[in-house]
PDB file of N, CA and C in Angstrom:
ATOM      1  N   MET A   1     -36.684  -2.450  16.632  1.00  0.00           N
ATOM      2  CA  MET A   1     -35.972  -1.188  16.616  1.00  0.00           C
ATOM      3  C   MET A   1     -34.476  -1.415  16.853  1.00  0.00           C
ATOM      4  N   VAL A   2     -34.150  -2.289  17.822  1.00  0.00           N
ATOM      5  CA  VAL A   2     -32.743  -2.581  18.118  1.00  0.00           C
ATOM      6  C   VAL A   2     -32.096  -3.268  16.919  1.00  0.00           C
ATOM      7  N   ALA A   3     -32.834  -4.147  16.257  1.00  0.00           N
ATOM      8  CA  ALA A   3     -32.310  -4.866  15.097  1.00  0.00           C
ATOM      9  C   ALA A   3     -32.018  -3.891  13.964  1.00  0.00           C
ATOM     10  N   ASP A   4     -32.898  -2.892  13.807  1.00  0.00           N
ATOM     11  CA  ASP A   4     -32.659  -1.879  12.769  1.00  0.00           C
ATOM     12  C   ASP A   4     -31.394  -1.085  13.068  1.00  0.00           C
ATOM     13  N   THR A   5     -31.189  -0.731  14.318  1.00  0.00           N
ATOM     14  CA  THR A   5     -29.997   0.030  14.713  1.00  0.00           C
ATOM     15  C   THR A   5     -28.742  -0.795  14.477  1.00  0.00           C
ATOM     16  N   ARG A   6     -28.793  -2.078  14.839  1.00  0.00           N
ATOM     17  CA  ARG A   6     -27.632  -2.951  14.618  1.00  0.00           C
ATOM     18  C   ARG A   6     -27.363  -3.140  13.129  1.00  0.00           C
ATOM     19  N   ALA A   7     -28.431  -3.297  12.358  1.00  0.00           N
ATOM     20  CA  ALA A   7     -28.272  -3.464  10.911  1.00  0.00           C
ATOM     21  C   ALA A   7     -27.677  -2.199  10.294  1.00  0.00           C
ATOM     22  N   ALA A   8     -28.122  -1.049  10.759  1.00  0.00           N
ATOM     23  CA  ALA A   8     -27.581   0.214  10.248  1.00  0.00           C
ATOM     24  C   ALA A   8     -26.110   0.358  10.632  1.00  0.00           C
ATOM     25  N   ALA A   9     -25.757  -0.021  11.844  1.00  0.00           N
ATOM     26  CA  ALA A   9     -24.362   0.047  12.284  1.00  0.00           C
ATOM     27  C   ALA A   9     -23.498  -0.908  11.454  1.00  0.00           C
ATOM     28  N   ALA A  10     -24.022  -2.100  11.208  1.00  0.00           N
ATOM     29  CA  ALA A  10     -23.288  -3.065  10.395  1.00  0.00           C
ATOM     30  C   ALA A  10     -23.124  -2.547   8.968  1.00  0.00           C
ATOM     31  N   ALA A  11     -24.149  -1.935   8.429  1.00  0.00           N
ATOM     32  CA  ALA A  11     -24.078  -1.381   7.077  1.00  0.00           C
ATOM     33  C   ALA A  11     -23.043  -0.260   7.005  1.00  0.00           C
ATOM     34  N   ARG A  12     -22.989   0.583   8.056  1.00  0.00           N
ATOM     35  CA  ARG A  12     -21.978   1.659   8.086  1.00  0.00           C
ATOM     36  C   ARG A  12     -20.569   1.081   8.125  1.00  0.00           C
ATOM     37  N   LYS A  13     -20.388  -0.011   8.897  1.00  0.00           N
ATOM     38  CA  LYS A  13     -19.070  -0.652   8.971  1.00  0.00           C
ATOM     39  C   LYS A  13     -18.668  -1.232   7.614  1.00  0.00           C
ATOM     40  N   VAL A  14     -19.625  -1.874   6.959  1.00  0.00           N
ATOM     41  CA  VAL A  14     -19.343  -2.440   5.640  1.00  0.00           C
ATOM     42  C   VAL A  14     -19.011  -1.329   4.650  1.00  0.00           C
ATOM     43  N   LEU A  15     -19.740  -0.241   4.690  1.00  0.00           N
ATOM     44  CA  LEU A  15     -19.488   0.889   3.805  1.00  0.00           C
ATOM     45  C   LEU A  15     -18.106   1.486   4.075  1.00  0.00           C
ATOM     46  N   ALA A  16     -17.765   1.650   5.337  1.00  0.00           N
ATOM     47  CA  ALA A  16     -16.454   2.197   5.697  1.00  0.00           C
ATOM     48  C   ALA A  16     -15.338   1.264   5.229  1.00  0.00           C
ATOM     49  N   ALA A  17     -15.528  -0.036   5.395  1.00  0.00           N
ATOM     50  CA  ALA A  17     -14.523  -1.003   4.949  1.00  0.00           C
ATOM     51  C   ALA A  17     -14.381  -0.979   3.433  1.00  0.00           C
ATOM     52  N   THR A  18     -15.497  -0.866   2.738  1.00  0.00           N
ATOM     53  CA  THR A  18     -15.470  -0.805   1.279  1.00  0.00           C
ATOM     54  C   THR A  18     -14.741   0.451   0.812  1.00  0.00           C
ATOM     55  N   GLU A  19     -15.020   1.573   1.439  1.00  0.00           N
ATOM     56  CA  GLU A  19     -14.343   2.820   1.079  1.00  0.00           C
ATOM     57  C   GLU A  19     -12.846   2.723   1.355  1.00  0.00           C
ATOM     58  N   ALA A  20     -12.474   2.081   2.452  1.00  0.00           N
ATOM     59  CA  ALA A  20     -11.055   1.915   2.774  1.00  0.00           C
ATOM     60  C   ALA A  20     -10.375   1.038   1.731  1.00  0.00           C
ATOM     61  N   LEU A  21     -11.047  -0.026   1.304  1.00  0.00           N
ATOM     62  CA  LEU A  21     -10.478  -0.894   0.271  1.00  0.00           C
ATOM     63  C   LEU A  21     -10.317  -0.157  -1.055  1.00  0.00           C
ATOM     64  N   GLU A  22     -11.295   0.667  -1.398  1.00  0.00           N
ATOM     65  CA  GLU A  22     -11.198   1.441  -2.634  1.00  0.00           C
ATOM     66  C   GLU A  22     -10.058   2.450  -2.554  1.00  0.00           C
ATOM     67  N   ALA A  23      -9.862   3.045  -1.395  1.00  0.00           N
ATOM     68  CA  ALA A  23      -8.748   3.981  -1.215  1.00  0.00           C
ATOM     69  C   ALA A  23      -7.421   3.241  -1.344  1.00  0.00           C
ATOM     70  N   ASP A  24      -7.339   2.055  -0.755  1.00  0.00           N
ATOM     71  CA  ASP A  24      -6.124   1.247  -0.873  1.00  0.00           C
ATOM     72  C   ASP A  24      -5.864   0.868  -2.331  1.00  0.00           C
ATOM     73  N   ARG A  25      -6.916   0.519  -3.030  1.00  0.00           N
ATOM     74  CA  ARG A  25      -6.771   0.143  -4.439  1.00  0.00           C
ATOM     75  C   ARG A  25      -6.290   1.332  -5.260  1.00  0.00           C
ATOM     76  N   THR A  26      -6.798   2.519  -4.951  1.00  0.00           N
ATOM     77  CA  THR A  26      -6.367   3.729  -5.650  1.00  0.00           C
ATOM     78  C   THR A  26      -4.885   3.980  -5.405  1.00  0.00           C
ATOM     79  N   VAL A  27      -4.445   3.790  -4.176  1.00  0.00           N
ATOM     80  CA  VAL A  27      -3.025   3.974  -3.854  1.00  0.00           C
ATOM     81  C   VAL A  27      -2.183   2.952  -4.607  1.00  0.00           C
ATOM     82  N   LEU A  28      -2.623   1.693  -4.631  1.00  0.00           N
ATOM     83  CA  LEU A  28      -1.883   0.651  -5.353  1.00  0.00           C
ATOM     84  C   LEU A  28      -1.810   0.951  -6.846  1.00  0.00           C
ATOM     85  N   GLU A  29      -2.898   1.447  -7.416  1.00  0.00           N
ATOM     86  CA  GLU A  29      -2.889   1.805  -8.834  1.00  0.00           C
ATOM     87  C   GLU A  29      -1.910   2.948  -9.092  1.00  0.00           C
ATOM     88  N   ALA A  30      -1.847   3.915  -8.177  1.00  0.00           N
ATOM     89  CA  ALA A  30      -0.897   5.016  -8.328  1.00  0.00           C
ATOM     90  C   ALA A  30       0.535   4.512  -8.256  1.00  0.00           C
ATOM     91  N   ILE A  31       0.788   3.569  -7.362  1.00  0.00           N
ATOM     92  CA  ILE A  31       2.135   2.991  -7.246  1.00  0.00           C
ATOM     93  C   ILE A  31       2.491   2.237  -8.522  1.00  0.00           C
ATOM     94  N   GLU A  32       1.548   1.459  -9.046  1.00  0.00           N
ATOM     95  CA  GLU A  32       1.800   0.720 -10.285  1.00  0.00           C
ATOM     96  C   GLU A  32       2.075   1.689 -11.437  1.00  0.00           C
ATOM     97  N   HIS A  33       1.322   2.782 -11.496  1.00  0.00           N
ATOM     98  CA  HIS A  33       1.531   3.781 -12.543  1.00  0.00           C
ATOM     99  C   HIS A  33       2.920   4.395 -12.414  1.00  0.00           C
ATOM    100  N   ARG A  34       3.312   4.677 -11.188  1.00  0.00           N
ATOM    101  CA  ARG A  34       4.633   5.255 -10.942  1.00  0.00           C
ATOM    102  C   ARG A  34       5.732   4.284 -11.374  1.00  0.00           C
ATOM    103  N   GLU A  35       5.523   2.989 -11.106  1.00  0.00           N
ATOM    104  CA  GLU A  35       6.491   1.973 -11.540  1.00  0.00           C
ATOM    105  C   GLU A  35       6.567   1.910 -13.065  1.00  0.00           C
ATOM    106  N   ASP A  36       5.416   1.999 -13.726  1.00  0.00           N
ATOM    107  CA  ASP A  36       5.403   1.988 -15.192  1.00  0.00           C
ATOM    108  C   ASP A  36       6.153   3.192 -15.747  1.00  0.00           C
ATOM    109  N   VAL A  37       5.941   4.349 -15.148  1.00  0.00           N
ATOM    110  CA  VAL A  37       6.634   5.562 -15.587  1.00  0.00           C
ATOM    111  C   VAL A  37       8.141   5.410 -15.377  1.00  0.00           C
ATOM    112  N   ALA A  38       8.524   4.861 -14.233  1.00  0.00           N
ATOM    113  CA  ALA A  38       9.951   4.661 -13.948  1.00  0.00           C
ATOM    114  C   ALA A  38      10.564   3.695 -14.963  1.00  0.00           C
ATOM    115  N   ARG A  39       9.834   2.628 -15.311  1.00  0.00           N
ATOM    116  CA  ARG A  39      10.326   1.687 -16.309  1.00  0.00           C
ATOM    117  C   ARG A  39      10.508   2.377 -17.655  1.00  0.00           C
ATOM    118  N   GLY A  40       9.533   3.185 -18.029  1.00  0.00           N
ATOM    119  CA  GLY A  40       9.611   3.919 -19.297  1.00  0.00           C
ATOM    120  C   GLY A  40      10.777   4.885 -19.317  1.00  0.00           C
ATOM    121  N   LEU A  41      10.981   5.585 -18.215  1.00  0.00           N
ATOM    122  CA  LEU A  41      12.104   6.524 -18.143  1.00  0.00           C
ATOM    123  C   LEU A  41      13.432   5.785 -18.174  1.00  0.00           C
ATOM    124  N   GLY A  42      13.500   4.627 -17.552  1.00  0.00           N
ATOM    125  CA  GLY A  42      14.708   3.813 -17.609  1.00  0.00           C
ATOM    126  C   GLY A  42      15.012   3.381 -19.029  1.00  0.00           C
ATOM    127  N   PHE A  43      13.977   2.998 -19.764  1.00  0.00           N
ATOM    128  CA  PHE A  43      14.158   2.612 -21.159  1.00  0.00           C
ATOM    129  C   PHE A  43      14.678   3.793 -21.974  1.00  0.00           C
ATOM    130  N   LEU A  44      14.070   4.958 -21.775  1.00  0.00           N
ATOM    131  CA  LEU A  44      14.516   6.146 -22.515  1.00  0.00           C
ATOM    132  C   LEU A  44      15.950   6.523 -22.164  1.00  0.00           C
ATOM    133  N   ALA A  45      16.320   6.363 -20.903  1.00  0.00           N
ATOM    134  CA  ALA A  45      17.696   6.645 -20.495  1.00  0.00           C
ATOM    135  C   ALA A  45      18.659   5.678 -21.184  1.00  0.00           C
ATOM    136  N   GLY A  46      18.268   4.434 -21.309  1.00  0.00           N
ATOM    137  CA  GLY A  46      19.097   3.454 -22.014  1.00  0.00           C
ATOM    138  C   GLY A  46      19.259   3.798 -23.480  1.00  0.00           C
ATOM    139  N   VAL A  47      18.179   4.226 -24.109  1.00  0.00           N
ATOM    140  CA  VAL A  47      18.245   4.634 -25.518  1.00  0.00           C
ATOM    141  C   VAL A  47      19.155   5.844 -25.668  1.00  0.00           C
ATOM    142  N   ALA A  48      19.009   6.809 -24.786  1.00  0.00           N
ATOM    143  CA  ALA A  48      19.846   8.013 -24.851  1.00  0.00           C
ATOM    144  C   ALA A  48      21.316   7.662 -24.650  1.00  0.00           C
ATOM    145  N   ALA A  49      21.607   6.791 -23.701  1.00  0.00           N
ATOM    146  CA  ALA A  49      22.997   6.393 -23.461  1.00  0.00           C
ATOM    147  C   ALA A  49      23.565   5.678 -24.684  1.00  0.00           C
ATOM    148  N   THR A  50      22.760   4.833 -25.312  1.00  0.00           N
ATOM    149  CA  THR A  50      23.210   4.128 -26.517  1.00  0.00           C
ATOM    150  C   THR A  50      23.509   5.119 -27.634  1.00  0.00           C
ATOM    151  N   LEU A  51      22.666   6.118 -27.804  1.00  0.00           N
ATOM    152  CA  LEU A  51      22.904   7.132 -28.830  1.00  0.00           C
ATOM    153  C   LEU A  51      24.176   7.924 -28.545  1.00  0.00           C
ATOM    154  N   VAL A  52      24.376   8.295 -27.304  1.00  0.00           N
ATOM    155  CA  VAL A  52      25.565   9.061 -26.935  1.00  0.00           C
ATOM    156  C   VAL A  52      26.822   8.247 -27.209  1.00  0.00           C
ATOM    157  N   VAL A  53      26.823   6.987 -26.825  1.00  0.00           N
ATOM    158  CA  VAL A  53      27.987   6.127 -27.072  1.00  0.00           C
ATOM    159  C   VAL A  53      28.190   5.950 -28.572  1.00  0.00           C
ATOM    160  N   GLY A  54      27.116   5.741 -29.305  1.00  0.00           N
ATOM    161  CA  GLY A  54      27.225   5.574 -30.761  1.00  0.00           C
ATOM    162  C   GLY A  54      27.795   6.809 -31.430  1.00  0.00           C
ATOM    163  N   ILE A  55      27.304   7.972 -31.048  1.00  0.00           N
ATOM    164  CA  ILE A  55      27.815   9.224 -31.608  1.00  0.00           C
ATOM    165  C   ILE A  55      29.277   9.407 -31.230  1.00  0.00           C
ATOM    166  N   GLY A  56      29.634   9.069 -30.008  1.00  0.00           N
ATOM    167  CA  GLY A  56      31.029   9.167 -29.570  1.00  0.00           C
ATOM    168  C   GLY A  56      31.940   8.271 -30.386  1.00  0.00           C
ATOM    169  N   VAL A  57      31.488   7.053 -30.658  1.00  0.00           N
ATOM    170  CA  VAL A  57      32.284   6.119 -31.462  1.00  0.00           C
ATOM    171  C   VAL A  57      32.468   6.669 -32.871  1.00  0.00           C
ATOM    172  N   VAL A  58      31.411   7.178 -33.459  1.00  0.00           N
ATOM    173  CA  VAL A  58      31.506   7.740 -34.814  1.00  0.00           C
ATOM    174  C   VAL A  58      32.477   8.916 -34.832  1.00  0.00           C
ATOM    175  N   LEU A  59      32.390   9.797 -33.852  1.00  0.00           N
ATOM    176  CA  LEU A  59      33.299  10.941 -33.798  1.00  0.00           C
ATOM    177  C   LEU A  59      34.743  10.500 -33.620  1.00  0.00           C
ATOM    178  N   LEU A  60      34.974   9.524 -32.763  1.00  0.00           N
ATOM    179  CA  LEU A  60      36.334   9.023 -32.573  1.00  0.00           C
ATOM    180  C   LEU A  60      36.873   8.385 -33.852  1.00  0.00           C
ATOM    181  N   MET A  61      36.034   7.671 -34.574  1.00  0.00           N
ATOM    182  CA  MET A  61      36.464   7.072 -35.838  1.00  0.00           C
ATOM    183  C   MET A  61      36.823   8.140 -36.859  1.00  0.00           C
ATOM    184  N   ARG A  62      36.048   9.209 -36.895  1.00  0.00           N
ATOM    185  CA  ARG A  62      36.343  10.297 -37.830  1.00  0.00           C
ATOM    186  C   ARG A  62      37.633  11.001 -37.459  1.00  0.00           C
ATOM    187  N   LEU A  63      37.844  11.195 -36.150  1.00  0.00           N
ATOM    188  CA  LEU A  63      39.075  11.833 -35.710  1.00  0.00           C
ATOM    189  C   LEU A  63      40.283  10.944 -35.997  1.00  0.00           C
ATOM    190  N   ALA A  64      40.106   9.650 -35.902  1.00  0.00           N
ATOM    191  CA  ALA A  64      41.190   8.710 -36.155  1.00  0.00           C
ATOM    192  C   ALA A  64      41.447   8.519 -37.652  1.00  0.00           C
ATOM    193  N   GLY A  65      40.559   9.067 -38.454  1.00  0.00           N
ATOM    194  CA  GLY A  65      40.723   8.969 -39.904  1.00  0.00           C
ATOM    195  C   GLY A  65      40.156   7.706 -40.510  1.00  0.00           C
ATOM    196  N   GLY A  66      39.308   7.024 -39.735  1.00  0.00           N
ATOM    197  CA  GLY A  66      38.731   5.754 -40.226  1.00  0.00           C
ATOM    198  C   GLY A  66      37.453   5.992 -40.850  1.00  0.00           C
TER     199      GLY A  66
END
């Protein structure tokens, strides 16, 4: 009977540890996703800045008569 109680307690500890690890993994996956989104937004910001500079150069050339 005592062995069953100890085994059940050990099983609960293992289950709790497993659930904690899964929660940690979920948090890490969310952080990785957030980093991917930030990288994507950085890329889009770079593309937008390049377009703005390109359009500005074209407009300046037209104003200069080139």
